[in-house]
Amino acid sequence: MKFAGEMARLADVDSDGRADITVLYEDGAARVWKNVDNGRKFESLDAKWATGLAPRVKVIIEDVDGDGYADYVVVVWDGGAVGMWRNAVGEGRDNNWEDLGTIAPGVEDVTGPMIRFRYD
């Protein structure tokens, strides 16, 4: 697996408690390599885990809803709003993605790189 550093994201996409490697392409499409041996071995999970919904610079791969599965989050639509596609693979769906639409309105003078998500 070869890719540039700015393409890599670490997030647990399959809720096994280990960080998987997500490679995010310029158009926002993502491929995932599953962590199968505590960071010593990774296996391709899917040819395209997610199709590109926004440019890479606007995408965060992170578990936003706290269910253990990393979600596909687009930070800063027009006006600064945040959109989210919930990873619903753990629910046995045919389509792994649930479009939650806009999950946060824009905040004046806040740009994508300034936004982080946290849950306790």
PDB file of N, CA and C in Angstrom:
ATOM      1  N   MET A   1       0.854  -1.162   0.000  1.00  0.00           N
ATOM      2  CA  MET A   1       0.000   0.000   0.000  1.00  0.00           C
ATOM      3  C   MET A   1       0.897   1.220   0.000  1.00  0.00           C
ATOM      4  N   LYS A   2       0.721   2.076  -1.012  1.00  0.00           N
ATOM      5  CA  LYS A   2       1.500   3.310  -1.124  1.00  0.00           C
ATOM      6  C   LYS A   2       0.545   4.493  -1.245  1.00  0.00           C
ATOM      7  N   PHE A   3       0.840   5.518  -0.468  1.00  0.00           N
ATOM      8  CA  PHE A   3       0.051   6.739  -0.523  1.00  0.00           C
ATOM      9  C   PHE A   3       0.829   7.837   0.176  1.00  0.00           C
ATOM     10  N   ALA A   4       0.476   9.072  -0.117  1.00  0.00           N
ATOM     11  CA  ALA A   4       1.125  10.219   0.514  1.00  0.00           C
ATOM     12  C   ALA A   4       0.568  10.431   1.918  1.00  0.00           C
ATOM     13  N   GLY A   5       1.387  10.963   2.803  1.00  0.00           N
ATOM     14  CA  GLY A   5       1.002  11.147   4.197  1.00  0.00           C
ATOM     15  C   GLY A   5      -0.272  11.931   4.421  1.00  0.00           C
ATOM     16  N   GLU A   6      -0.502  12.971   3.615  1.00  0.00           N
ATOM     17  CA  GLU A   6      -1.709  13.791   3.824  1.00  0.00           C
ATOM     18  C   GLU A   6      -2.992  13.050   3.472  1.00  0.00           C
ATOM     19  N   MET A   7      -2.866  11.882   2.869  1.00  0.00           N
ATOM     20  CA  MET A   7      -4.034  11.081   2.499  1.00  0.00           C
ATOM     21  C   MET A   7      -4.486  10.156   3.632  1.00  0.00           C
ATOM     22  N   ALA A   8      -3.627   9.885   4.590  1.00  0.00           N
ATOM     23  CA  ALA A   8      -3.895   8.876   5.620  1.00  0.00           C
ATOM     24  C   ALA A   8      -4.695   9.424   6.787  1.00  0.00           C
ATOM     25  N   ARG A   9      -5.635   8.612   7.234  1.00  0.00           N
ATOM     26  CA  ARG A   9      -6.410   8.896   8.437  1.00  0.00           C
ATOM     27  C   ARG A   9      -6.445   7.615   9.255  1.00  0.00           C
ATOM     28  N   LEU A  10      -6.428   7.725  10.566  1.00  0.00           N
ATOM     29  CA  LEU A  10      -6.549   6.567  11.443  1.00  0.00           C
ATOM     30  C   LEU A  10      -7.870   6.670  12.184  1.00  0.00           C
ATOM     31  N   ALA A  11      -8.682   5.638  12.066  1.00  0.00           N
ATOM     32  CA  ALA A  11      -9.967   5.589  12.757  1.00  0.00           C
ATOM     33  C   ALA A  11     -10.447   4.148  12.753  1.00  0.00           C
ATOM     34  N   ASP A  12     -11.175   3.765  13.768  1.00  0.00           N
ATOM     35  CA  ASP A  12     -11.717   2.409  13.863  1.00  0.00           C
ATOM     36  C   ASP A  12     -13.005   2.344  13.042  1.00  0.00           C
ATOM     37  N   VAL A  13     -12.939   1.762  11.855  1.00  0.00           N
ATOM     38  CA  VAL A  13     -14.117   1.734  10.975  1.00  0.00           C
ATOM     39  C   VAL A  13     -14.997   0.520  11.225  1.00  0.00           C
ATOM     40  N   ASP A  14     -14.490  -0.494  11.945  1.00  0.00           N
ATOM     41  CA  ASP A  14     -15.263  -1.724  12.118  1.00  0.00           C
ATOM     42  C   ASP A  14     -15.553  -2.063  13.578  1.00  0.00           C
ATOM     43  N   SER A  15     -15.315  -1.141  14.485  1.00  0.00           N
ATOM     44  CA  SER A  15     -15.660  -1.261  15.906  1.00  0.00           C
ATOM     45  C   SER A  15     -14.990  -2.442  16.605  1.00  0.00           C
ATOM     46  N   ASP A  16     -13.730  -2.736  16.240  1.00  0.00           N
ATOM     47  CA  ASP A  16     -13.018  -3.814  16.930  1.00  0.00           C
ATOM     48  C   ASP A  16     -12.024  -3.271  17.955  1.00  0.00           C
ATOM     49  N   GLY A  17     -12.005  -1.947  18.131  1.00  0.00           N
ATOM     50  CA  GLY A  17     -11.129  -1.326  19.108  1.00  0.00           C
ATOM     51  C   GLY A  17      -9.730  -1.017  18.605  1.00  0.00           C
ATOM     52  N   ARG A  18      -9.460  -1.277  17.317  1.00  0.00           N
ATOM     53  CA  ARG A  18      -8.139  -1.002  16.746  1.00  0.00           C
ATOM     54  C   ARG A  18      -8.281   0.019  15.617  1.00  0.00           C
ATOM     55  N   ALA A  19      -7.309   0.924  15.547  1.00  0.00           N
ATOM     56  CA  ALA A  19      -7.317   1.948  14.501  1.00  0.00           C
ATOM     57  C   ALA A  19      -7.000   1.309  13.156  1.00  0.00           C
ATOM     58  N   ASP A  20      -7.835   1.572  12.178  1.00  0.00           N
ATOM     59  CA  ASP A  20      -7.638   1.119  10.813  1.00  0.00           C
ATOM     60  C   ASP A  20      -7.077   2.285  10.001  1.00  0.00           C
ATOM     61  N   ILE A  21      -6.461   1.993   8.857  1.00  0.00           N
ATOM     62  CA  ILE A  21      -5.934   3.046   7.993  1.00  0.00           C
ATOM     63  C   ILE A  21      -6.967   3.357   6.924  1.00  0.00           C
ATOM     64  N   THR A  22      -7.370   4.606   6.864  1.00  0.00           N
ATOM     65  CA  THR A  22      -8.245   5.082   5.802  1.00  0.00           C
ATOM     66  C   THR A  22      -7.426   5.993   4.913  1.00  0.00           C
ATOM     67  N   VAL A  23      -7.448   5.717   3.616  1.00  0.00           N
ATOM     68  CA  VAL A  23      -6.756   6.562   2.650  1.00  0.00           C
ATOM     69  C   VAL A  23      -7.818   7.384   1.948  1.00  0.00           C
ATOM     70  N   LEU A  24      -7.711   8.686   2.087  1.00  0.00           N
ATOM     71  CA  LEU A  24      -8.691   9.617   1.547  1.00  0.00           C
ATOM     72  C   LEU A  24      -8.102  10.293   0.318  1.00  0.00           C
ATOM     73  N   TYR A  25      -8.719  10.060  -0.836  1.00  0.00           N
ATOM     74  CA  TYR A  25      -8.238  10.616  -2.103  1.00  0.00           C
ATOM     75  C   TYR A  25      -8.692  12.063  -2.272  1.00  0.00           C
ATOM     76  N   GLU A  26      -8.110  12.756  -3.224  1.00  0.00           N
ATOM     77  CA  GLU A  26      -8.388  14.181  -3.461  1.00  0.00           C
ATOM     78  C   GLU A  26      -9.882  14.480  -3.566  1.00  0.00           C
ATOM     79  N   ASP A  27     -10.639  13.582  -4.240  1.00  0.00           N
ATOM     80  CA  ASP A  27     -12.076  13.802  -4.436  1.00  0.00           C
ATOM     81  C   ASP A  27     -12.923  13.365  -3.249  1.00  0.00           C
ATOM     82  N   GLY A  28     -12.289  12.882  -2.170  1.00  0.00           N
ATOM     83  CA  GLY A  28     -13.017  12.451  -0.980  1.00  0.00           C
ATOM     84  C   GLY A  28     -13.339  10.973  -0.949  1.00  0.00           C
ATOM     85  N   ALA A  29     -13.059  10.239  -2.027  1.00  0.00           N
ATOM     86  CA  ALA A  29     -13.256   8.788  -2.009  1.00  0.00           C
ATOM     87  C   ALA A  29     -12.293   8.183  -0.998  1.00  0.00           C
ATOM     88  N   ALA A  30     -12.700   7.086  -0.354  1.00  0.00           N
ATOM     89  CA  ALA A  30     -11.878   6.493   0.696  1.00  0.00           C
ATOM     90  C   ALA A  30     -11.747   4.987   0.519  1.00  0.00           C
ATOM     91  N   ARG A  31     -10.550   4.491   0.800  1.00  0.00           N
ATOM     92  CA  ARG A  31     -10.269   3.055   0.887  1.00  0.00           C
ATOM     93  C   ARG A  31      -9.810   2.780   2.301  1.00  0.00           C
ATOM     94  N   VAL A  32     -10.068   1.565   2.786  1.00  0.00           N
ATOM     95  CA  VAL A  32      -9.711   1.219   4.151  1.00  0.00           C
ATOM     96  C   VAL A  32      -8.877  -0.057   4.185  1.00  0.00           C
ATOM     97  N   TRP A  33      -7.844  -0.021   5.029  1.00  0.00           N
ATOM     98  CA  TRP A  33      -7.077  -1.211   5.350  1.00  0.00           C
ATOM     99  C   TRP A  33      -7.327  -1.508   6.813  1.00  0.00           C
ATOM    100  N   LYS A  34      -7.906  -2.687   7.076  1.00  0.00           N
ATOM    101  CA  LYS A  34      -8.292  -3.109   8.422  1.00  0.00           C
ATOM    102  C   LYS A  34      -7.065  -3.573   9.198  1.00  0.00           C
ATOM    103  N   ASN A  35      -6.958  -3.128  10.427  1.00  0.00           N
ATOM    104  CA  ASN A  35      -5.902  -3.519  11.346  1.00  0.00           C
ATOM    105  C   ASN A  35      -6.239  -4.923  11.862  1.00  0.00           C
ATOM    106  N   VAL A  36      -5.473  -5.926  11.437  1.00  0.00           N
ATOM    107  CA  VAL A  36      -5.773  -7.310  11.816  1.00  0.00           C
ATOM    108  C   VAL A  36      -4.772  -7.903  12.796  1.00  0.00           C
ATOM    109  N   ASP A  37      -3.698  -7.152  13.134  1.00  0.00           N
ATOM    110  CA  ASP A  37      -2.686  -7.694  14.037  1.00  0.00           C
ATOM    111  C   ASP A  37      -2.030  -6.574  14.845  1.00  0.00           C
ATOM    112  N   ASN A  38      -2.841  -5.844  15.600  1.00  0.00           N
ATOM    113  CA  ASN A  38      -2.341  -4.794  16.487  1.00  0.00           C
ATOM    114  C   ASN A  38      -1.326  -3.859  15.835  1.00  0.00           C
ATOM    115  N   GLY A  39      -1.607  -3.441  14.615  1.00  0.00           N
ATOM    116  CA  GLY A  39      -0.776  -2.476  13.914  1.00  0.00           C
ATOM    117  C   GLY A  39       0.386  -3.075  13.146  1.00  0.00           C
ATOM    118  N   ARG A  40       0.550  -4.394  13.189  1.00  0.00           N
ATOM    119  CA  ARG A  40       1.640  -5.042  12.456  1.00  0.00           C
ATOM    120  C   ARG A  40       1.208  -5.553  11.087  1.00  0.00           C
ATOM    121  N   LYS A  41      -0.093  -5.713  10.883  1.00  0.00           N
ATOM    122  CA  LYS A  41      -0.595  -6.222   9.608  1.00  0.00           C
ATOM    123  C   LYS A  41      -1.951  -5.579   9.312  1.00  0.00           C
ATOM    124  N   PHE A  42      -2.125  -5.172   8.057  1.00  0.00           N
ATOM    125  CA  PHE A  42      -3.373  -4.558   7.609  1.00  0.00           C
ATOM    126  C   PHE A  42      -3.844  -5.275   6.346  1.00  0.00           C
ATOM    127  N   GLU A  43      -5.152  -5.466   6.218  1.00  0.00           N
ATOM    128  CA  GLU A  43      -5.733  -6.092   5.036  1.00  0.00           C
ATOM    129  C   GLU A  43      -6.778  -5.168   4.433  1.00  0.00           C
ATOM    130  N   SER A  44      -6.818  -5.124   3.105  1.00  0.00           N
ATOM    131  CA  SER A  44      -7.779  -4.270   2.411  1.00  0.00           C
ATOM    132  C   SER A  44      -9.194  -4.680   2.788  1.00  0.00           C
ATOM    133  N   LEU A  45      -9.980  -3.708   3.227  1.00  0.00           N
ATOM    134  CA  LEU A  45     -11.366  -3.980   3.641  1.00  0.00           C
ATOM    135  C   LEU A  45     -12.311  -3.877   2.466  1.00  0.00           C
ATOM    136  N   ASP A  46     -12.073  -2.900   1.595  1.00  0.00           N
ATOM    137  CA  ASP A  46     -12.982  -2.664   0.481  1.00  0.00           C
ATOM    138  C   ASP A  46     -12.255  -1.832  -0.558  1.00  0.00           C
ATOM    139  N   ALA A  47     -12.550  -2.092  -1.824  1.00  0.00           N
ATOM    140  CA  ALA A  47     -11.913  -1.313  -2.899  1.00  0.00           C
ATOM    141  C   ALA A  47     -12.240   0.167  -2.749  1.00  0.00           C
ATOM    142  N   LYS A  48     -13.469   0.486  -2.429  1.00  0.00           N
ATOM    143  CA  LYS A  48     -13.863   1.867  -2.155  1.00  0.00           C
ATOM    144  C   LYS A  48     -14.820   1.851  -0.974  1.00  0.00           C
ATOM    145  N   TRP A  49     -14.314   2.202   0.170  1.00  0.00           N
ATOM    146  CA  TRP A  49     -15.125   2.204   1.389  1.00  0.00           C
ATOM    147  C   TRP A  49     -16.212   3.263   1.303  1.00  0.00           C
ATOM    148  N   ALA A  50     -15.856   4.408   0.725  1.00  0.00           N
ATOM    149  CA  ALA A  50     -16.822   5.495   0.553  1.00  0.00           C
ATOM    150  C   ALA A  50     -16.497   6.229  -0.740  1.00  0.00           C
ATOM    151  N   THR A  51     -17.526   6.627  -1.445  1.00  0.00           N
ATOM    152  CA  THR A  51     -17.309   7.423  -2.651  1.00  0.00           C
ATOM    153  C   THR A  51     -17.061   8.861  -2.253  1.00  0.00           C
ATOM    154  N   GLY A  52     -16.466   9.623  -3.147  1.00  0.00           N
ATOM    155  CA  GLY A  52     -16.154  11.013  -2.829  1.00  0.00           C
ATOM    156  C   GLY A  52     -17.380  11.878  -2.765  1.00  0.00           C
ATOM    157  N   LEU A  53     -17.585  12.518  -1.625  1.00  0.00           N
ATOM    158  CA  LEU A  53     -18.731  13.410  -1.445  1.00  0.00           C
ATOM    159  C   LEU A  53     -18.314  14.866  -1.359  1.00  0.00           C
ATOM    160  N   ALA A  54     -17.040  15.079  -1.086  1.00  0.00           N
ATOM    161  CA  ALA A  54     -16.488  16.430  -0.978  1.00  0.00           C
ATOM    162  C   ALA A  54     -14.979  16.309  -1.108  1.00  0.00           C
ATOM    163  N   PRO A  55     -14.301  17.382  -1.439  1.00  0.00           N
ATOM    164  CA  PRO A  55     -12.843  17.328  -1.519  1.00  0.00           C
ATOM    165  C   PRO A  55     -12.218  16.871  -0.187  1.00  0.00           C
ATOM    166  N   ARG A  56     -11.103  16.162  -0.272  1.00  0.00           N
ATOM    167  CA  ARG A  56     -10.427  15.599   0.899  1.00  0.00           C
ATOM    168  C   ARG A  56     -10.233  16.621   2.017  1.00  0.00           C
ATOM    169  N   VAL A  57      -9.912  17.858   1.669  1.00  0.00           N
ATOM    170  CA  VAL A  57      -9.632  18.865   2.700  1.00  0.00           C
ATOM    171  C   VAL A  57     -10.850  19.177   3.559  1.00  0.00           C
ATOM    172  N   LYS A  58     -12.023  18.759   3.127  1.00  0.00           N
ATOM    173  CA  LYS A  58     -13.245  19.022   3.893  1.00  0.00           C
ATOM    174  C   LYS A  58     -13.779  17.787   4.619  1.00  0.00           C
ATOM    175  N   VAL A  59     -13.054  16.665   4.548  1.00  0.00           N
ATOM    176  CA  VAL A  59     -13.573  15.406   5.092  1.00  0.00           C
ATOM    177  C   VAL A  59     -12.819  14.992   6.359  1.00  0.00           C
ATOM    178  N   ILE A  60     -13.585  14.548   7.340  1.00  0.00           N
ATOM    179  CA  ILE A  60     -13.048  13.956   8.556  1.00  0.00           C
ATOM    180  C   ILE A  60     -13.603  12.532   8.636  1.00  0.00           C
ATOM    181  N   ILE A  61     -12.740  11.581   8.945  1.00  0.00           N
ATOM    182  CA  ILE A  61     -13.181  10.213   9.185  1.00  0.00           C
ATOM    183  C   ILE A  61     -13.057   9.992  10.683  1.00  0.00           C
ATOM    184  N   GLU A  62     -14.183   9.967  11.360  1.00  0.00           N
ATOM    185  CA  GLU A  62     -14.163   9.905  12.817  1.00  0.00           C
ATOM    186  C   GLU A  62     -15.507   9.396  13.320  1.00  0.00           C
ATOM    187  N   ASP A  63     -15.498   8.681  14.437  1.00  0.00           N
ATOM    188  CA  ASP A  63     -16.737   8.209  15.043  1.00  0.00           C
ATOM    189  C   ASP A  63     -17.389   9.372  15.783  1.00  0.00           C
ATOM    190  N   VAL A  64     -18.377   9.960  15.165  1.00  0.00           N
ATOM    191  CA  VAL A  64     -19.030  11.137  15.741  1.00  0.00           C
ATOM    192  C   VAL A  64     -20.189  10.757  16.653  1.00  0.00           C
ATOM    193  N   ASP A  65     -20.861   9.640  16.372  1.00  0.00           N
ATOM    194  CA  ASP A  65     -22.042   9.284  17.162  1.00  0.00           C
ATOM    195  C   ASP A  65     -21.753   8.317  18.308  1.00  0.00           C
ATOM    196  N   GLY A  66     -20.487   7.907  18.482  1.00  0.00           N
ATOM    197  CA  GLY A  66     -20.104   7.093  19.631  1.00  0.00           C
ATOM    198  C   GLY A  66     -20.486   5.626  19.563  1.00  0.00           C
ATOM    199  N   ASP A  67     -20.796   5.115  18.356  1.00  0.00           N
ATOM    200  CA  ASP A  67     -21.191   3.709  18.249  1.00  0.00           C
ATOM    201  C   ASP A  67     -20.017   2.770  17.958  1.00  0.00           C
ATOM    202  N   GLY A  68     -18.797   3.328  17.841  1.00  0.00           N
ATOM    203  CA  GLY A  68     -17.621   2.512  17.586  1.00  0.00           C
ATOM    204  C   GLY A  68     -17.240   2.391  16.129  1.00  0.00           C
ATOM    205  N   TYR A  69     -18.064   2.902  15.228  1.00  0.00           N
ATOM    206  CA  TYR A  69     -17.794   2.853  13.793  1.00  0.00           C
ATOM    207  C   TYR A  69     -17.494   4.254  13.280  1.00  0.00           C
ATOM    208  N   ALA A  70     -16.336   4.436  12.628  1.00  0.00           N
ATOM    209  CA  ALA A  70     -15.971   5.756  12.104  1.00  0.00           C
ATOM    210  C   ALA A  70     -16.963   6.202  11.045  1.00  0.00           C
ATOM    211  N   ASP A  71     -17.351   7.460  11.099  1.00  0.00           N
ATOM    212  CA  ASP A  71     -18.306   8.057  10.174  1.00  0.00           C
ATOM    213  C   ASP A  71     -17.581   8.928   9.158  1.00  0.00           C
ATOM    214  N   TYR A  72     -18.288   9.279   8.072  1.00  0.00           N
ATOM    215  CA  TYR A  72     -17.757  10.132   7.013  1.00  0.00           C
ATOM    216  C   TYR A  72     -18.384  11.499   7.222  1.00  0.00           C
ATOM    217  N   VAL A  73     -17.574  12.451   7.658  1.00  0.00           N
ATOM    218  CA  VAL A  73     -18.085  13.768   8.018  1.00  0.00           C
ATOM    219  C   VAL A  73     -17.506  14.809   7.067  1.00  0.00           C
ATOM    220  N   VAL A  74     -18.384  15.637   6.495  1.00  0.00           N
ATOM    221  CA  VAL A  74     -17.943  16.735   5.638  1.00  0.00           C
ATOM    222  C   VAL A  74     -18.031  18.012   6.454  1.00  0.00           C
ATOM    223  N   VAL A  75     -16.884  18.624   6.665  1.00  0.00           N
ATOM    224  CA  VAL A  75     -16.817  19.847   7.452  1.00  0.00           C
ATOM    225  C   VAL A  75     -16.829  21.038   6.509  1.00  0.00           C
ATOM    226  N   VAL A  76     -17.723  21.898   6.758  1.00  0.00           N
ATOM    227  CA  VAL A  76     -17.851  23.175   6.073  1.00  0.00           C
ATOM    228  C   VAL A  76     -18.417  23.040   4.668  1.00  0.00           C
ATOM    229  N   TRP A  77     -19.717  22.860   4.620  1.00  0.00           N
ATOM    230  CA  TRP A  77     -20.449  23.073   3.383  1.00  0.00           C
ATOM    231  C   TRP A  77     -20.475  24.582   3.204  1.00  0.00           C
ATOM    232  N   ASP A  78     -21.174  25.059   2.200  1.00  0.00           N
ATOM    233  CA  ASP A  78     -21.299  26.499   2.034  1.00  0.00           C
ATOM    234  C   ASP A  78     -21.864  27.107   3.314  1.00  0.00           C
ATOM    235  N   GLY A  79     -21.252  28.159   3.794  1.00  0.00           N
ATOM    236  CA  GLY A  79     -21.717  28.826   5.002  1.00  0.00           C
ATOM    237  C   GLY A  79     -21.190  28.217   6.282  1.00  0.00           C
ATOM    238  N   GLY A  80     -20.364  27.182   6.207  1.00  0.00           N
ATOM    239  CA  GLY A  80     -19.750  26.617   7.405  1.00  0.00           C
ATOM    240  C   GLY A  80     -20.495  25.481   8.067  1.00  0.00           C
ATOM    241  N   ALA A  81     -21.562  24.980   7.474  1.00  0.00           N
ATOM    242  CA  ALA A  81     -22.312  23.882   8.075  1.00  0.00           C
ATOM    243  C   ALA A  81     -21.546  22.560   7.962  1.00  0.00           C
ATOM    244  N   VAL A  82     -21.897  21.599   8.819  1.00  0.00           N
ATOM    245  CA  VAL A  82     -21.260  20.284   8.848  1.00  0.00           C
ATOM    246  C   VAL A  82     -22.289  19.231   8.460  1.00  0.00           C
ATOM    247  N   GLY A  83     -21.933  18.385   7.495  1.00  0.00           N
ATOM    248  CA  GLY A  83     -22.795  17.284   7.078  1.00  0.00           C
ATOM    249  C   GLY A  83     -22.199  15.958   7.496  1.00  0.00           C
ATOM    250  N   MET A  84     -23.040  14.931   7.674  1.00  0.00           N
ATOM    251  CA  MET A  84     -22.534  13.642   8.149  1.00  0.00           C
ATOM    252  C   MET A  84     -23.232  12.475   7.483  1.00  0.00           C
ATOM    253  N   TRP A  85     -22.425  11.481   7.149  1.00  0.00           N
ATOM    254  CA  TRP A  85     -22.926  10.186   6.703  1.00  0.00           C
ATOM    255  C   TRP A  85     -22.527   9.197   7.783  1.00  0.00           C
ATOM    256  N   ARG A  86     -23.505   8.652   8.461  1.00  0.00           N
ATOM    257  CA  ARG A  86     -23.289   7.737   9.581  1.00  0.00           C
ATOM    258  C   ARG A  86     -22.951   6.347   9.059  1.00  0.00           C
ATOM    259  N   ASN A  87     -21.897   5.746   9.603  1.00  0.00           N
ATOM    260  CA  ASN A  87     -21.501   4.390   9.263  1.00  0.00           C
ATOM    261  C   ASN A  87     -22.440   3.442   9.996  1.00  0.00           C
ATOM    262  N   ALA A  88     -23.333   2.792   9.247  1.00  0.00           N
ATOM    263  CA  ALA A  88     -24.339   1.916   9.842  1.00  0.00           C
ATOM    264  C   ALA A  88     -24.053   0.445   9.553  1.00  0.00           C
ATOM    265  N   VAL A  89     -22.801   0.117   9.235  1.00  0.00           N
ATOM    266  CA  VAL A  89     -22.441  -1.258   8.873  1.00  0.00           C
ATOM    267  C   VAL A  89     -22.759  -2.245   9.996  1.00  0.00           C
ATOM    268  N   GLY A  90     -22.663  -1.826  11.228  1.00  0.00           N
ATOM    269  CA  GLY A  90     -22.933  -2.708  12.361  1.00  0.00           C
ATOM    270  C   GLY A  90     -24.391  -3.082  12.506  1.00  0.00           C
ATOM    271  N   GLU A  91     -25.261  -2.460  11.747  1.00  0.00           N
ATOM    272  CA  GLU A  91     -26.692  -2.738  11.820  1.00  0.00           C
ATOM    273  C   GLU A  91     -27.137  -3.709  10.734  1.00  0.00           C
ATOM    274  N   GLY A  92     -26.181  -4.257   9.970  1.00  0.00           N
ATOM    275  CA  GLY A  92     -26.491  -5.245   8.948  1.00  0.00           C
ATOM    276  C   GLY A  92     -27.239  -4.702   7.746  1.00  0.00           C
ATOM    277  N   ARG A  93     -27.102  -3.442   7.440  1.00  0.00           N
ATOM    278  CA  ARG A  93     -27.794  -2.835   6.299  1.00  0.00           C
ATOM    279  C   ARG A  93     -27.129  -3.210   4.985  1.00  0.00           C
ATOM    280  N   ASP A  94     -27.887  -3.166   3.909  1.00  0.00           N
ATOM    281  CA  ASP A  94     -27.316  -3.346   2.579  1.00  0.00           C
ATOM    282  C   ASP A  94     -26.461  -2.145   2.217  1.00  0.00           C
ATOM    283  N   ASN A  95     -26.937  -0.962   2.545  1.00  0.00           N
ATOM    284  CA  ASN A  95     -26.187   0.265   2.327  1.00  0.00           C
ATOM    285  C   ASN A  95     -25.591   0.672   3.664  1.00  0.00           C
ATOM    286  N   ASN A  96     -24.269   0.773   3.731  1.00  0.00           N
ATOM    287  CA  ASN A  96     -23.601   1.061   4.999  1.00  0.00           C
ATOM    288  C   ASN A  96     -23.755   2.495   5.475  1.00  0.00           C
ATOM    289  N   TRP A  97     -24.245   3.378   4.621  1.00  0.00           N
ATOM    290  CA  TRP A  97     -24.258   4.800   4.957  1.00  0.00           C
ATOM    291  C   TRP A  97     -25.657   5.342   5.156  1.00  0.00           C
ATOM    292  N   GLU A  98     -25.841   6.069   6.234  1.00  0.00           N
ATOM    293  CA  GLU A  98     -27.088   6.773   6.513  1.00  0.00           C
ATOM    294  C   GLU A  98     -26.796   8.268   6.456  1.00  0.00           C
ATOM    295  N   ASP A  99     -27.402   8.951   5.498  1.00  0.00           N
ATOM    296  CA  ASP A  99     -27.191  10.381   5.325  1.00  0.00           C
ATOM    297  C   ASP A  99     -27.978  11.127   6.400  1.00  0.00           C
ATOM    298  N   LEU A 100     -27.258  11.745   7.338  1.00  0.00           N
ATOM    299  CA  LEU A 100     -27.905  12.513   8.398  1.00  0.00           C
ATOM    300  C   LEU A 100     -28.082  13.974   8.031  1.00  0.00           C
ATOM    301  N   GLY A 101     -27.604  14.334   6.837  1.00  0.00           N
ATOM    302  CA  GLY A 101     -27.732  15.717   6.397  1.00  0.00           C
ATOM    303  C   GLY A 101     -26.855  16.636   7.226  1.00  0.00           C
ATOM    304  N   THR A 102     -27.297  17.864   7.409  1.00  0.00           N
ATOM    305  CA  THR A 102     -26.542  18.846   8.184  1.00  0.00           C
ATOM    306  C   THR A 102     -26.715  18.555   9.664  1.00  0.00           C
ATOM    307  N   ILE A 103     -25.587  18.358  10.367  1.00  0.00           N
ATOM    308  CA  ILE A 103     -25.660  18.053  11.803  1.00  0.00           C
ATOM    309  C   ILE A 103     -25.268  19.244  12.663  1.00  0.00           C
ATOM    310  N   ALA A 104     -24.700  20.285  12.032  1.00  0.00           N
ATOM    311  CA  ALA A 104     -24.351  21.492  12.782  1.00  0.00           C
ATOM    312  C   ALA A 104     -24.393  22.680  11.827  1.00  0.00           C
ATOM    313  N   PRO A 105     -24.986  23.787  12.260  1.00  0.00           N
ATOM    314  CA  PRO A 105     -25.014  24.968  11.407  1.00  0.00           C
ATOM    315  C   PRO A 105     -23.640  25.623  11.367  1.00  0.00           C
ATOM    316  N   GLY A 106     -23.465  26.500  10.445  1.00  0.00           N
ATOM    317  CA  GLY A 106     -22.198  27.214  10.341  1.00  0.00           C
ATOM    318  C   GLY A 106     -22.002  28.191  11.486  1.00  0.00           C
ATOM    319  N   VAL A 107     -20.740  28.435  11.809  1.00  0.00           N
ATOM    320  CA  VAL A 107     -20.371  29.412  12.820  1.00  0.00           C
ATOM    321  C   VAL A 107     -19.486  30.439  12.130  1.00  0.00           C
ATOM    322  N   GLU A 108     -19.822  31.689  12.264  1.00  0.00           N
ATOM    323  CA  GLU A 108     -19.094  32.744  11.575  1.00  0.00           C
ATOM    324  C   GLU A 108     -17.601  32.692  11.873  1.00  0.00           C
ATOM    325  N   ASP A 109     -16.792  32.825  10.834  1.00  0.00           N
ATOM    326  CA  ASP A 109     -15.334  32.871  10.916  1.00  0.00           C
ATOM    327  C   ASP A 109     -14.677  31.574  11.385  1.00  0.00           C
ATOM    328  N   VAL A 110     -15.397  30.454  11.381  1.00  0.00           N
ATOM    329  CA  VAL A 110     -14.814  29.159  11.721  1.00  0.00           C
ATOM    330  C   VAL A 110     -14.681  28.361  10.435  1.00  0.00           C
ATOM    331  N   THR A 111     -13.463  27.874  10.166  1.00  0.00           N
ATOM    332  CA  THR A 111     -13.219  27.099   8.960  1.00  0.00           C
ATOM    333  C   THR A 111     -13.013  25.625   9.314  1.00  0.00           C
ATOM    334  N   GLY A 112     -13.077  24.767   8.307  1.00  0.00           N
ATOM    335  CA  GLY A 112     -12.962  23.330   8.499  1.00  0.00           C
ATOM    336  C   GLY A 112     -11.809  22.860   9.343  1.00  0.00           C
ATOM    337  N   PRO A 113     -10.568  23.317   9.084  1.00  0.00           N
ATOM    338  CA  PRO A 113      -9.437  22.837   9.878  1.00  0.00           C
ATOM    339  C   PRO A 113      -9.534  23.169  11.366  1.00  0.00           C
ATOM    340  N   MET A 114     -10.411  24.090  11.737  1.00  0.00           N
ATOM    341  CA  MET A 114     -10.564  24.479  13.135  1.00  0.00           C
ATOM    342  C   MET A 114     -11.538  23.573  13.885  1.00  0.00           C
ATOM    343  N   ILE A 115     -12.296  22.752  13.171  1.00  0.00           N
ATOM    344  CA  ILE A 115     -13.373  21.961  13.791  1.00  0.00           C
ATOM    345  C   ILE A 115     -12.871  20.582  14.177  1.00  0.00           C
ATOM    346  N   ARG A 116     -13.214  20.147  15.395  1.00  0.00           N
ATOM    347  CA  ARG A 116     -12.946  18.805  15.898  1.00  0.00           C
ATOM    348  C   ARG A 116     -14.202  18.305  16.604  1.00  0.00           C
ATOM    349  N   PHE A 117     -14.366  16.996  16.620  1.00  0.00           N
ATOM    350  CA  PHE A 117     -15.511  16.393  17.291  1.00  0.00           C
ATOM    351  C   PHE A 117     -15.007  15.631  18.509  1.00  0.00           C
ATOM    352  N   ARG A 118     -15.822  15.652  19.558  1.00  0.00           N
ATOM    353  CA  ARG A 118     -15.457  14.921  20.758  1.00  0.00           C
ATOM    354  C   ARG A 118     -16.741  14.465  21.460  1.00  0.00           C
ATOM    355  N   TYR A 119     -16.707  13.254  21.939  1.00  0.00           N
ATOM    356  CA  TYR A 119     -17.802  12.755  22.765  1.00  0.00           C
ATOM    357  C   TYR A 119     -17.197  12.044  23.965  1.00  0.00           C
ATOM    358  N   ASP A 120     -17.915  12.035  25.047  1.00  0.00           N
ATOM    359  CA  ASP A 120     -17.448  11.359  26.271  1.00  0.00           C
ATOM    360  C   ASP A 120     -18.376  10.226  26.605  1.00  0.00           C
TER     361      ASP A 120
END
